[in-house]
Amino acid sequence: MTTNAIHSVLAMMKVTAQKAAGNVVTLSAPTTAGAGFISELNSSIKQINGMQVNAQRKAEKFELGMPGIALNDVIVEMQKASLALHFGIQINNKLINAYQEVMNMAV
């Protein structure tokens, strides 16, 4: 996930907190921030899936004995896919925690 997507989520959370506090909030482009975040989220999920598929294909090629595929390449690809998945899960957990914190704010 890019820094811009994270900043847009933080901006949306600040706006929600200000609205809950009763402050008047104006945004220059409210729809683009949300759409940008959704597109970044979808892109990140697709990228993680692509890394997992790539690692699986490389492992299958190694198992079939195709030339040019070394064990260390397979292990590196699998580790990259694993790290990307765990990072995505952590981002998901942080977003859920942030959402729950906003929802539990006193109005």
PDB file of N, CA and C in Angstrom:
ATOM      1  N   MET A   1       0.855  -1.166   0.000  1.00  0.00           N
ATOM      2  CA  MET A   1       0.000   0.000   0.000  1.00  0.00           C
ATOM      3  C   MET A   1       0.901   1.229   0.000  1.00  0.00           C
ATOM      4  N   THR A   2       0.501   2.246  -0.754  1.00  0.00           N
ATOM      5  CA  THR A   2       1.327   3.427  -0.868  1.00  0.00           C
ATOM      6  C   THR A   2       1.075   4.389   0.276  1.00  0.00           C
ATOM      7  N   THR A   3       1.967   5.334   0.390  1.00  0.00           N
ATOM      8  CA  THR A   3       1.858   6.344   1.427  1.00  0.00           C
ATOM      9  C   THR A   3       0.628   7.223   1.199  1.00  0.00           C
ATOM     10  N   ASN A   4       0.322   7.505  -0.060  1.00  0.00           N
ATOM     11  CA  ASN A   4      -0.858   8.329  -0.356  1.00  0.00           C
ATOM     12  C   ASN A   4      -2.133   7.664   0.126  1.00  0.00           C
ATOM     13  N   ALA A   5      -2.234   6.360  -0.038  1.00  0.00           N
ATOM     14  CA  ALA A   5      -3.429   5.651   0.419  1.00  0.00           C
ATOM     15  C   ALA A   5      -3.548   5.717   1.935  1.00  0.00           C
ATOM     16  N   ILE A   6      -2.446   5.571   2.628  1.00  0.00           N
ATOM     17  CA  ILE A   6      -2.462   5.641   4.088  1.00  0.00           C
ATOM     18  C   ILE A   6      -2.851   7.042   4.545  1.00  0.00           C
ATOM     19  N   HIS A   7      -2.309   8.056   3.862  1.00  0.00           N
ATOM     20  CA  HIS A   7      -2.657   9.431   4.220  1.00  0.00           C
ATOM     21  C   HIS A   7      -4.131   9.720   3.961  1.00  0.00           C
ATOM     22  N   SER A   8      -4.689   9.152   2.904  1.00  0.00           N
ATOM     23  CA  SER A   8      -6.105   9.382   2.641  1.00  0.00           C
ATOM     24  C   SER A   8      -6.976   8.734   3.708  1.00  0.00           C
ATOM     25  N   VAL A   9      -6.567   7.561   4.193  1.00  0.00           N
ATOM     26  CA  VAL A   9      -7.317   6.911   5.277  1.00  0.00           C
ATOM     27  C   VAL A   9      -7.233   7.756   6.543  1.00  0.00           C
ATOM     28  N   LEU A  10      -6.052   8.247   6.848  1.00  0.00           N
ATOM     29  CA  LEU A  10      -5.910   9.095   8.038  1.00  0.00           C
ATOM     30  C   LEU A  10      -6.734  10.369   7.913  1.00  0.00           C
ATOM     31  N   ALA A  11      -6.774  10.953   6.714  1.00  0.00           N
ATOM     32  CA  ALA A  11      -7.563  12.161   6.503  1.00  0.00           C
ATOM     33  C   ALA A  11      -9.046  11.874   6.704  1.00  0.00           C
ATOM     34  N   MET A  12      -9.516  10.742   6.196  1.00  0.00           N
ATOM     35  CA  MET A  12     -10.923  10.380   6.380  1.00  0.00           C
ATOM     36  C   MET A  12     -11.234  10.154   7.854  1.00  0.00           C
ATOM     37  N   MET A  13     -10.295   9.540   8.584  1.00  0.00           N
ATOM     38  CA  MET A  13     -10.512   9.301  10.009  1.00  0.00           C
ATOM     39  C   MET A  13     -10.562  10.625  10.779  1.00  0.00           C
ATOM     40  N   LYS A  14      -9.684  11.581  10.417  1.00  0.00           N
ATOM     41  CA  LYS A  14      -9.695  12.883  11.086  1.00  0.00           C
ATOM     42  C   LYS A  14     -10.995  13.619  10.821  1.00  0.00           C
ATOM     43  N   VAL A  15     -11.488  13.547   9.585  1.00  0.00           N
ATOM     44  CA  VAL A  15     -12.742  14.194   9.240  1.00  0.00           C
ATOM     45  C   VAL A  15     -13.879  13.587  10.047  1.00  0.00           C
ATOM     46  N   THR A  16     -13.899  12.271  10.163  1.00  0.00           N
ATOM     47  CA  THR A  16     -14.939  11.602  10.934  1.00  0.00           C
ATOM     48  C   THR A  16     -14.875  12.005  12.404  1.00  0.00           C
ATOM     49  N   ALA A  17     -13.664  12.097  12.939  1.00  0.00           N
ATOM     50  CA  ALA A  17     -13.509  12.512  14.331  1.00  0.00           C
ATOM     51  C   ALA A  17     -13.976  13.942  14.537  1.00  0.00           C
ATOM     52  N   GLN A  18     -13.684  14.823  13.580  1.00  0.00           N
ATOM     53  CA  GLN A  18     -14.123  16.214  13.699  1.00  0.00           C
ATOM     54  C   GLN A  18     -15.637  16.321  13.580  1.00  0.00           C
ATOM     55  N   LYS A  19     -16.230  15.527  12.701  1.00  0.00           N
ATOM     56  CA  LYS A  19     -17.687  15.529  12.574  1.00  0.00           C
ATOM     57  C   LYS A  19     -18.326  15.040  13.868  1.00  0.00           C
ATOM     58  N   ALA A  20     -17.717  14.024  14.474  1.00  0.00           N
ATOM     59  CA  ALA A  20     -18.257  13.493  15.727  1.00  0.00           C
ATOM     60  C   ALA A  20     -18.156  14.526  16.848  1.00  0.00           C
ATOM     61  N   ALA A  21     -17.132  15.377  16.783  1.00  0.00           N
ATOM     62  CA  ALA A  21     -16.962  16.418  17.797  1.00  0.00           C
ATOM     63  C   ALA A  21     -17.874  17.608  17.547  1.00  0.00           C
ATOM     64  N   GLY A  22     -18.544  17.636  16.389  1.00  0.00           N
ATOM     65  CA  GLY A  22     -19.478  18.716  16.098  1.00  0.00           C
ATOM     66  C   GLY A  22     -18.862  19.830  15.286  1.00  0.00           C
ATOM     67  N   ASN A  23     -17.632  19.683  14.842  1.00  0.00           N
ATOM     68  CA  ASN A  23     -16.985  20.702  14.029  1.00  0.00           C
ATOM     69  C   ASN A  23     -17.460  20.600  12.583  1.00  0.00           C
ATOM     70  N   VAL A  24     -17.527  21.739  11.907  1.00  0.00           N
ATOM     71  CA  VAL A  24     -17.897  21.761  10.502  1.00  0.00           C
ATOM     72  C   VAL A  24     -16.647  21.472   9.684  1.00  0.00           C
ATOM     73  N   VAL A  25     -16.760  20.507   8.785  1.00  0.00           N
ATOM     74  CA  VAL A  25     -15.613  20.078   8.000  1.00  0.00           C
ATOM     75  C   VAL A  25     -15.944  20.218   6.528  1.00  0.00           C
ATOM     76  N   THR A  26     -15.016  20.804   5.779  1.00  0.00           N
ATOM     77  CA  THR A  26     -15.174  20.867   4.332  1.00  0.00           C
ATOM     78  C   THR A  26     -14.001  20.165   3.683  1.00  0.00           C
ATOM     79  N   LEU A  27     -14.308  19.413   2.663  1.00  0.00           N
ATOM     80  CA  LEU A  27     -13.272  18.699   1.926  1.00  0.00           C
ATOM     81  C   LEU A  27     -13.241  19.196   0.496  1.00  0.00           C
ATOM     82  N   SER A  28     -12.051  19.211  -0.088  1.00  0.00           N
ATOM     83  CA  SER A  28     -11.944  19.674  -1.465  1.00  0.00           C
ATOM     84  C   SER A  28     -12.406  18.604  -2.441  1.00  0.00           C
ATOM     85  N   ALA A  29     -12.090  17.342  -2.168  1.00  0.00           N
ATOM     86  CA  ALA A  29     -12.481  16.260  -3.076  1.00  0.00           C
ATOM     87  C   ALA A  29     -12.770  15.001  -2.278  1.00  0.00           C
ATOM     88  N   PRO A  30     -13.948  14.874  -1.681  1.00  0.00           N
ATOM     89  CA  PRO A  30     -14.216  13.728  -0.826  1.00  0.00           C
ATOM     90  C   PRO A  30     -14.327  12.414  -1.579  1.00  0.00           C
ATOM     91  N   THR A  31     -14.784  12.439  -2.820  1.00  0.00           N
ATOM     92  CA  THR A  31     -14.975  11.178  -3.530  1.00  0.00           C
ATOM     93  C   THR A  31     -13.666  10.611  -4.051  1.00  0.00           C
ATOM     94  N   THR A  32     -12.722  11.458  -4.395  1.00  0.00           N
ATOM     95  CA  THR A  32     -11.463  10.945  -4.942  1.00  0.00           C
ATOM     96  C   THR A  32     -10.632  10.270  -3.878  1.00  0.00           C
ATOM     97  N   ALA A  33     -10.699  10.755  -2.639  1.00  0.00           N
ATOM     98  CA  ALA A  33      -9.914  10.130  -1.584  1.00  0.00           C
ATOM     99  C   ALA A  33     -10.416   8.716  -1.318  1.00  0.00           C
ATOM    100  N   GLY A  34     -11.725   8.536  -1.249  1.00  0.00           N
ATOM    101  CA  GLY A  34     -12.286   7.216  -1.010  1.00  0.00           C
ATOM    102  C   GLY A  34     -12.037   6.282  -2.175  1.00  0.00           C
ATOM    103  N   ALA A  35     -12.227   6.786  -3.382  1.00  0.00           N
ATOM    104  CA  ALA A  35     -12.009   5.952  -4.567  1.00  0.00           C
ATOM    105  C   ALA A  35     -10.545   5.582  -4.692  1.00  0.00           C
ATOM    106  N   GLY A  36      -9.657   6.506  -4.350  1.00  0.00           N
ATOM    107  CA  GLY A  36      -8.229   6.232  -4.408  1.00  0.00           C
ATOM    108  C   GLY A  36      -7.836   5.141  -3.419  1.00  0.00           C
ATOM    109  N   PHE A  37      -8.422   5.200  -2.249  1.00  0.00           N
ATOM    110  CA  PHE A  37      -8.101   4.195  -1.245  1.00  0.00           C
ATOM    111  C   PHE A  37      -8.588   2.822  -1.684  1.00  0.00           C
ATOM    112  N   ILE A  38      -9.800   2.759  -2.206  1.00  0.00           N
ATOM    113  CA  ILE A  38     -10.348   1.478  -2.652  1.00  0.00           C
ATOM    114  C   ILE A  38      -9.510   0.903  -3.783  1.00  0.00           C
ATOM    115  N   SER A  39      -9.128   1.743  -4.725  1.00  0.00           N
ATOM    116  CA  SER A  39      -8.321   1.246  -5.846  1.00  0.00           C
ATOM    117  C   SER A  39      -6.947   0.789  -5.370  1.00  0.00           C
ATOM    118  N   GLU A  40      -6.367   1.503  -4.416  1.00  0.00           N
ATOM    119  CA  GLU A  40      -5.072   1.092  -3.864  1.00  0.00           C
ATOM    120  C   GLU A  40      -5.198  -0.230  -3.103  1.00  0.00           C
ATOM    121  N   LEU A  41      -6.285  -0.377  -2.374  1.00  0.00           N
ATOM    122  CA  LEU A  41      -6.515  -1.609  -1.630  1.00  0.00           C
ATOM    123  C   LEU A  41      -6.673  -2.795  -2.577  1.00  0.00           C
ATOM    124  N   ASN A  42      -7.480  -2.608  -3.622  1.00  0.00           N
ATOM    125  CA  ASN A  42      -7.650  -3.672  -4.619  1.00  0.00           C
ATOM    126  C   ASN A  42      -6.346  -3.992  -5.321  1.00  0.00           C
ATOM    127  N   SER A  43      -5.585  -2.967  -5.649  1.00  0.00           N
ATOM    128  CA  SER A  43      -4.296  -3.169  -6.307  1.00  0.00           C
ATOM    129  C   SER A  43      -3.344  -3.955  -5.406  1.00  0.00           C
ATOM    130  N   SER A  44      -3.335  -3.622  -4.128  1.00  0.00           N
ATOM    131  CA  SER A  44      -2.457  -4.321  -3.185  1.00  0.00           C
ATOM    132  C   SER A  44      -2.853  -5.783  -3.032  1.00  0.00           C
ATOM    133  N   ILE A  45      -4.146  -6.042  -2.968  1.00  0.00           N
ATOM    134  CA  ILE A  45      -4.618  -7.423  -2.844  1.00  0.00           C
ATOM    135  C   ILE A  45      -4.250  -8.225  -4.091  1.00  0.00           C
ATOM    136  N   LYS A  46      -4.427  -7.612  -5.256  1.00  0.00           N
ATOM    137  CA  LYS A  46      -4.052  -8.291  -6.498  1.00  0.00           C
ATOM    138  C   LYS A  46      -2.553  -8.543  -6.570  1.00  0.00           C
ATOM    139  N   GLN A  47      -1.775  -7.599  -6.076  1.00  0.00           N
ATOM    140  CA  GLN A  47      -0.321  -7.758  -6.082  1.00  0.00           C
ATOM    141  C   GLN A  47       0.102  -8.895  -5.148  1.00  0.00           C
ATOM    142  N   ILE A  48      -0.502  -8.978  -3.986  1.00  0.00           N
ATOM    143  CA  ILE A  48      -0.195 -10.067  -3.059  1.00  0.00           C
ATOM    144  C   ILE A  48      -0.580 -11.406  -3.674  1.00  0.00           C
ATOM    145  N   ASN A  49      -1.752 -11.463  -4.297  1.00  0.00           N
ATOM    146  CA  ASN A  49      -2.185 -12.685  -4.949  1.00  0.00           C
ATOM    147  C   ASN A  49      -1.227 -13.067  -6.078  1.00  0.00           C
ATOM    148  N   GLY A  50      -0.794 -12.086  -6.849  1.00  0.00           N
ATOM    149  CA  GLY A  50       0.151 -12.352  -7.927  1.00  0.00           C
ATOM    150  C   GLY A  50       1.471 -12.915  -7.419  1.00  0.00           C
ATOM    151  N   MET A  51       1.929 -12.407  -6.295  1.00  0.00           N
ATOM    152  CA  MET A  51       3.172 -12.923  -5.716  1.00  0.00           C
ATOM    153  C   MET A  51       2.995 -14.367  -5.267  1.00  0.00           C
ATOM    154  N   GLN A  52       1.839 -14.688  -4.697  1.00  0.00           N
ATOM    155  CA  GLN A  52       1.594 -16.057  -4.260  1.00  0.00           C
ATOM    156  C   GLN A  52       1.492 -17.009  -5.451  1.00  0.00           C
ATOM    157  N   VAL A  53       0.809 -16.572  -6.508  1.00  0.00           N
ATOM    158  CA  VAL A  53       0.677 -17.402  -7.710  1.00  0.00           C
ATOM    159  C   VAL A  53       2.046 -17.610  -8.355  1.00  0.00           C
ATOM    160  N   ASN A  54       2.853 -16.547  -8.412  1.00  0.00           N
ATOM    161  CA  ASN A  54       4.184 -16.647  -8.994  1.00  0.00           C
ATOM    162  C   ASN A  54       5.057 -17.626  -8.203  1.00  0.00           C
ATOM    163  N   ALA A  55       4.991 -17.554  -6.889  1.00  0.00           N
ATOM    164  CA  ALA A  55       5.778 -18.464  -6.059  1.00  0.00           C
ATOM    165  C   ALA A  55       5.324 -19.910  -6.255  1.00  0.00           C
ATOM    166  N   GLN A  56       4.017 -20.120  -6.349  1.00  0.00           N
ATOM    167  CA  GLN A  56       3.486 -21.470  -6.556  1.00  0.00           C
ATOM    168  C   GLN A  56       3.922 -22.026  -7.904  1.00  0.00           C
ATOM    169  N   ARG A  57       3.864 -21.190  -8.943  1.00  0.00           N
ATOM    170  CA  ARG A  57       4.286 -21.641 -10.277  1.00  0.00           C
ATOM    171  C   ARG A  57       5.773 -21.985 -10.310  1.00  0.00           C
ATOM    172  N   LYS A  58       6.562 -21.146  -9.648  1.00  0.00           N
ATOM    173  CA  LYS A  58       8.001 -21.408  -9.624  1.00  0.00           C
ATOM    174  C   LYS A  58       8.288 -22.702  -8.869  1.00  0.00           C
ATOM    175  N   ALA A  59       7.555 -22.969  -7.792  1.00  0.00           N
ATOM    176  CA  ALA A  59       7.739 -24.206  -7.039  1.00  0.00           C
ATOM    177  C   ALA A  59       7.349 -25.415  -7.888  1.00  0.00           C
ATOM    178  N   GLU A  60       6.262 -25.290  -8.633  1.00  0.00           N
ATOM    179  CA  GLU A  60       5.843 -26.393  -9.506  1.00  0.00           C
ATOM    180  C   GLU A  60       6.869 -26.655 -10.600  1.00  0.00           C
ATOM    181  N   LYS A  61       7.423 -25.596 -11.169  1.00  0.00           N
ATOM    182  CA  LYS A  61       8.447 -25.754 -12.194  1.00  0.00           C
ATOM    183  C   LYS A  61       9.689 -26.437 -11.620  1.00  0.00           C
ATOM    184  N   PHE A  62      10.044 -26.070 -10.390  1.00  0.00           N
ATOM    185  CA  PHE A  62      11.198 -26.703  -9.757  1.00  0.00           C
ATOM    186  C   PHE A  62      10.932 -28.184  -9.519  1.00  0.00           C
ATOM    187  N   GLU A  63       9.723 -28.515  -9.057  1.00  0.00           N
ATOM    188  CA  GLU A  63       9.361 -29.904  -8.808  1.00  0.00           C
ATOM    189  C   GLU A  63       9.380 -30.733 -10.086  1.00  0.00           C
ATOM    190  N   LEU A  64       9.031 -30.105 -11.202  1.00  0.00           N
ATOM    191  CA  LEU A  64       9.049 -30.814 -12.480  1.00  0.00           C
ATOM    192  C   LEU A  64      10.456 -30.918 -13.068  1.00  0.00           C
ATOM    193  N   GLY A  65      11.411 -30.247 -12.453  1.00  0.00           N
ATOM    194  CA  GLY A  65      12.793 -30.348 -12.895  1.00  0.00           C
ATOM    195  C   GLY A  65      13.142 -29.482 -14.094  1.00  0.00           C
ATOM    196  N   MET A  66      12.398 -28.413 -14.300  1.00  0.00           N
ATOM    197  CA  MET A  66      12.680 -27.520 -15.420  1.00  0.00           C
ATOM    198  C   MET A  66      14.034 -26.837 -15.214  1.00  0.00           C
ATOM    199  N   PRO A  67      14.792 -26.680 -16.290  1.00  0.00           N
ATOM    200  CA  PRO A  67      16.104 -26.038 -16.158  1.00  0.00           C
ATOM    201  C   PRO A  67      15.968 -24.545 -15.859  1.00  0.00           C
ATOM    202  N   GLY A  68      16.930 -24.013 -15.143  1.00  0.00           N
ATOM    203  CA  GLY A  68      16.955 -22.594 -14.823  1.00  0.00           C
ATOM    204  C   GLY A  68      16.216 -22.224 -13.551  1.00  0.00           C
ATOM    205  N   ILE A  69      15.598 -23.177 -12.901  1.00  0.00           N
ATOM    206  CA  ILE A  69      14.882 -22.910 -11.658  1.00  0.00           C
ATOM    207  C   ILE A  69      15.661 -23.557 -10.510  1.00  0.00           C
ATOM    208  N   ALA A  70      16.246 -22.722  -9.675  1.00  0.00           N
ATOM    209  CA  ALA A  70      17.037 -23.223  -8.549  1.00  0.00           C
ATOM    210  C   ALA A  70      16.194 -23.190  -7.273  1.00  0.00           C
ATOM    211  N   LEU A  71      16.577 -24.019  -6.334  1.00  0.00           N
ATOM    212  CA  LEU A  71      15.849 -24.107  -5.072  1.00  0.00           C
ATOM    213  C   LEU A  71      15.852 -22.776  -4.335  1.00  0.00           C
ATOM    214  N   ASN A  72      16.988 -22.076  -4.354  1.00  0.00           N
ATOM    215  CA  ASN A  72      17.049 -20.806  -3.632  1.00  0.00           C
ATOM    216  C   ASN A  72      16.108 -19.768  -4.252  1.00  0.00           C
ATOM    217  N   ASP A  73      15.898 -19.822  -5.578  1.00  0.00           N
ATOM    218  CA  ASP A  73      14.934 -18.912  -6.211  1.00  0.00           C
ATOM    219  C   ASP A  73      13.511 -19.208  -5.739  1.00  0.00           C
ATOM    220  N   VAL A  74      13.202 -20.486  -5.618  1.00  0.00           N
ATOM    221  CA  VAL A  74      11.872 -20.884  -5.151  1.00  0.00           C
ATOM    222  C   VAL A  74      11.659 -20.415  -3.716  1.00  0.00           C
ATOM    223  N   ILE A  75      12.656 -20.620  -2.872  1.00  0.00           N
ATOM    224  CA  ILE A  75      12.536 -20.237  -1.464  1.00  0.00           C
ATOM    225  C   ILE A  75      12.385 -18.721  -1.331  1.00  0.00           C
ATOM    226  N   VAL A  76      13.154 -17.965  -2.108  1.00  0.00           N
ATOM    227  CA  VAL A  76      13.063 -16.510  -2.047  1.00  0.00           C
ATOM    228  C   VAL A  76      11.671 -16.042  -2.482  1.00  0.00           C
ATOM    229  N   GLU A  77      11.146 -16.592  -3.559  1.00  0.00           N
ATOM    230  CA  GLU A  77       9.813 -16.203  -4.030  1.00  0.00           C
ATOM    231  C   GLU A  77       8.742 -16.559  -3.008  1.00  0.00           C
ATOM    232  N   MET A  78       8.873 -17.710  -2.379  1.00  0.00           N
ATOM    233  CA  MET A  78       7.890 -18.116  -1.374  1.00  0.00           C
ATOM    234  C   MET A  78       7.957 -17.208  -0.138  1.00  0.00           C
ATOM    235  N   GLN A  79       9.158 -16.800   0.240  1.00  0.00           N
ATOM    236  CA  GLN A  79       9.303 -15.904   1.380  1.00  0.00           C
ATOM    237  C   GLN A  79       8.739 -14.518   1.069  1.00  0.00           C
ATOM    238  N   LYS A  80       8.971 -14.042  -0.157  1.00  0.00           N
ATOM    239  CA  LYS A  80       8.405 -12.754  -0.561  1.00  0.00           C
ATOM    240  C   LYS A  80       6.879 -12.801  -0.489  1.00  0.00           C
ATOM    241  N   ALA A  81       6.296 -13.871  -1.001  1.00  0.00           N
ATOM    242  CA  ALA A  81       4.843 -14.008  -0.983  1.00  0.00           C
ATOM    243  C   ALA A  81       4.328 -14.096   0.453  1.00  0.00           C
ATOM    244  N   SER A  82       5.045 -14.817   1.296  1.00  0.00           N
ATOM    245  CA  SER A  82       4.635 -14.957   2.691  1.00  0.00           C
ATOM    246  C   SER A  82       4.702 -13.614   3.421  1.00  0.00           C
ATOM    247  N   LEU A  83       5.775 -12.877   3.218  1.00  0.00           N
ATOM    248  CA  LEU A  83       5.902 -11.566   3.858  1.00  0.00           C
ATOM    249  C   LEU A  83       4.830 -10.601   3.370  1.00  0.00           C
ATOM    250  N   ALA A  84       4.552 -10.626   2.081  1.00  0.00           N
ATOM    251  CA  ALA A  84       3.515  -9.751   1.538  1.00  0.00           C
ATOM    252  C   ALA A  84       2.158 -10.090   2.147  1.00  0.00           C
ATOM    253  N   LEU A  85       1.853 -11.368   2.280  1.00  0.00           N
ATOM    254  CA  LEU A  85       0.589 -11.779   2.878  1.00  0.00           C
ATOM    255  C   LEU A  85       0.496 -11.335   4.332  1.00  0.00           C
ATOM    256  N   HIS A  86       1.549 -11.545   5.095  1.00  0.00           N
ATOM    257  CA  HIS A  86       1.531 -11.152   6.510  1.00  0.00           C
ATOM    258  C   HIS A  86       1.441  -9.636   6.662  1.00  0.00           C
ATOM    259  N   PHE A  87       2.101  -8.902   5.773  1.00  0.00           N
ATOM    260  CA  PHE A  87       2.004  -7.448   5.800  1.00  0.00           C
ATOM    261  C   PHE A  87       0.573  -7.012   5.486  1.00  0.00           C
ATOM    262  N   GLY A  88      -0.040  -7.645   4.502  1.00  0.00           N
ATOM    263  CA  GLY A  88      -1.428  -7.336   4.163  1.00  0.00           C
ATOM    264  C   GLY A  88      -2.373  -7.626   5.312  1.00  0.00           C
ATOM    265  N   ILE A  89      -2.139  -8.718   6.021  1.00  0.00           N
ATOM    266  CA  ILE A  89      -2.967  -9.062   7.175  1.00  0.00           C
ATOM    267  C   ILE A  89      -2.807  -8.019   8.280  1.00  0.00           C
ATOM    268  N   GLN A  90      -1.574  -7.555   8.496  1.00  0.00           N
ATOM    269  CA  GLN A  90      -1.336  -6.536   9.518  1.00  0.00           C
ATOM    270  C   GLN A  90      -2.022  -5.218   9.152  1.00  0.00           C
ATOM    271  N   ILE A  91      -1.981  -4.855   7.868  1.00  0.00           N
ATOM    272  CA  ILE A  91      -2.669  -3.643   7.413  1.00  0.00           C
ATOM    273  C   ILE A  91      -4.170  -3.790   7.658  1.00  0.00           C
ATOM    274  N   ASN A  92      -4.708  -4.959   7.329  1.00  0.00           N
ATOM    275  CA  ASN A  92      -6.128  -5.229   7.559  1.00  0.00           C
ATOM    276  C   ASN A  92      -6.472  -5.075   9.039  1.00  0.00           C
ATOM    277  N   ASN A  93      -5.662  -5.647   9.904  1.00  0.00           N
ATOM    278  CA  ASN A  93      -5.908  -5.556  11.345  1.00  0.00           C
ATOM    279  C   ASN A  93      -5.867  -4.110  11.829  1.00  0.00           C
ATOM    280  N   LYS A  94      -4.906  -3.331  11.325  1.00  0.00           N
ATOM    281  CA  LYS A  94      -4.796  -1.925  11.727  1.00  0.00           C
ATOM    282  C   LYS A  94      -6.011  -1.129  11.252  1.00  0.00           C
ATOM    283  N   LEU A  95      -6.467  -1.402  10.038  1.00  0.00           N
ATOM    284  CA  LEU A  95      -7.645  -0.694   9.535  1.00  0.00           C
ATOM    285  C   LEU A  95      -8.887  -1.037  10.346  1.00  0.00           C
ATOM    286  N   ILE A  96      -9.032  -2.300  10.708  1.00  0.00           N
ATOM    287  CA  ILE A  96     -10.178  -2.705  11.525  1.00  0.00           C
ATOM    288  C   ILE A  96     -10.110  -2.049  12.895  1.00  0.00           C
ATOM    289  N   ASN A  97      -8.924  -2.015  13.498  1.00  0.00           N
ATOM    290  CA  ASN A  97      -8.774  -1.367  14.803  1.00  0.00           C
ATOM    291  C   ASN A  97      -9.092   0.121  14.714  1.00  0.00           C
ATOM    292  N   ALA A  98      -8.636   0.771  13.647  1.00  0.00           N
ATOM    293  CA  ALA A  98      -8.911   2.196  13.470  1.00  0.00           C
ATOM    294  C   ALA A  98     -10.405   2.430  13.294  1.00  0.00           C
ATOM    295  N   TYR A  99     -11.052   1.593  12.507  1.00  0.00           N
ATOM    296  CA  TYR A  99     -12.508   1.713  12.303  1.00  0.00           C
ATOM    297  C   TYR A  99     -13.250   1.532  13.619  1.00  0.00           C
ATOM    298  N   GLN A 100     -12.858   0.522  14.394  1.00  0.00           N
ATOM    299  CA  GLN A 100     -13.531   0.281  15.667  1.00  0.00           C
ATOM    300  C   GLN A 100     -13.310   1.441  16.636  1.00  0.00           C
ATOM    301  N   GLU A 101     -12.123   2.030  16.601  1.00  0.00           N
ATOM    302  CA  GLU A 101     -11.851   3.155  17.472  1.00  0.00           C
ATOM    303  C   GLU A 101     -12.717   4.357  17.099  1.00  0.00           C
ATOM    304  N   VAL A 102     -12.871   4.597  15.804  1.00  0.00           N
ATOM    305  CA  VAL A 102     -13.726   5.695  15.353  1.00  0.00           C
ATOM    306  C   VAL A 102     -15.168   5.427  15.736  1.00  0.00           C
ATOM    307  N   MET A 103     -15.614   4.192  15.568  1.00  0.00           N
ATOM    308  CA  MET A 103     -17.002   3.860  15.890  1.00  0.00           C
ATOM    309  C   MET A 103     -17.280   3.945  17.385  1.00  0.00           C
ATOM    310  N   ASN A 104     -16.282   3.758  18.235  1.00  0.00           N
ATOM    311  CA  ASN A 104     -16.477   3.804  19.677  1.00  0.00           C
ATOM    312  C   ASN A 104     -16.331   5.209  20.263  1.00  0.00           C
ATOM    313  N   MET A 105     -16.054   6.192  19.386  1.00  0.00           N
ATOM    314  CA  MET A 105     -15.917   7.565  19.882  1.00  0.00           C
ATOM    315  C   MET A 105     -17.277   8.070  20.364  1.00  0.00           C
ATOM    316  N   ALA A 106     -17.230   8.821  21.431  1.00  0.00           N
ATOM    317  CA  ALA A 106     -18.460   9.409  21.968  1.00  0.00           C
ATOM    318  C   ALA A 106     -18.898  10.551  21.061  1.00  0.00           C
ATOM    319  N   VAL A 107     -20.188  10.592  20.801  1.00  0.00           N
ATOM    320  CA  VAL A 107     -20.726  11.639  19.904  1.00  0.00           C
ATOM    321  C   VAL A 107     -21.224  12.797  20.712  1.00  0.00           C
TER     322      VAL A 107
END
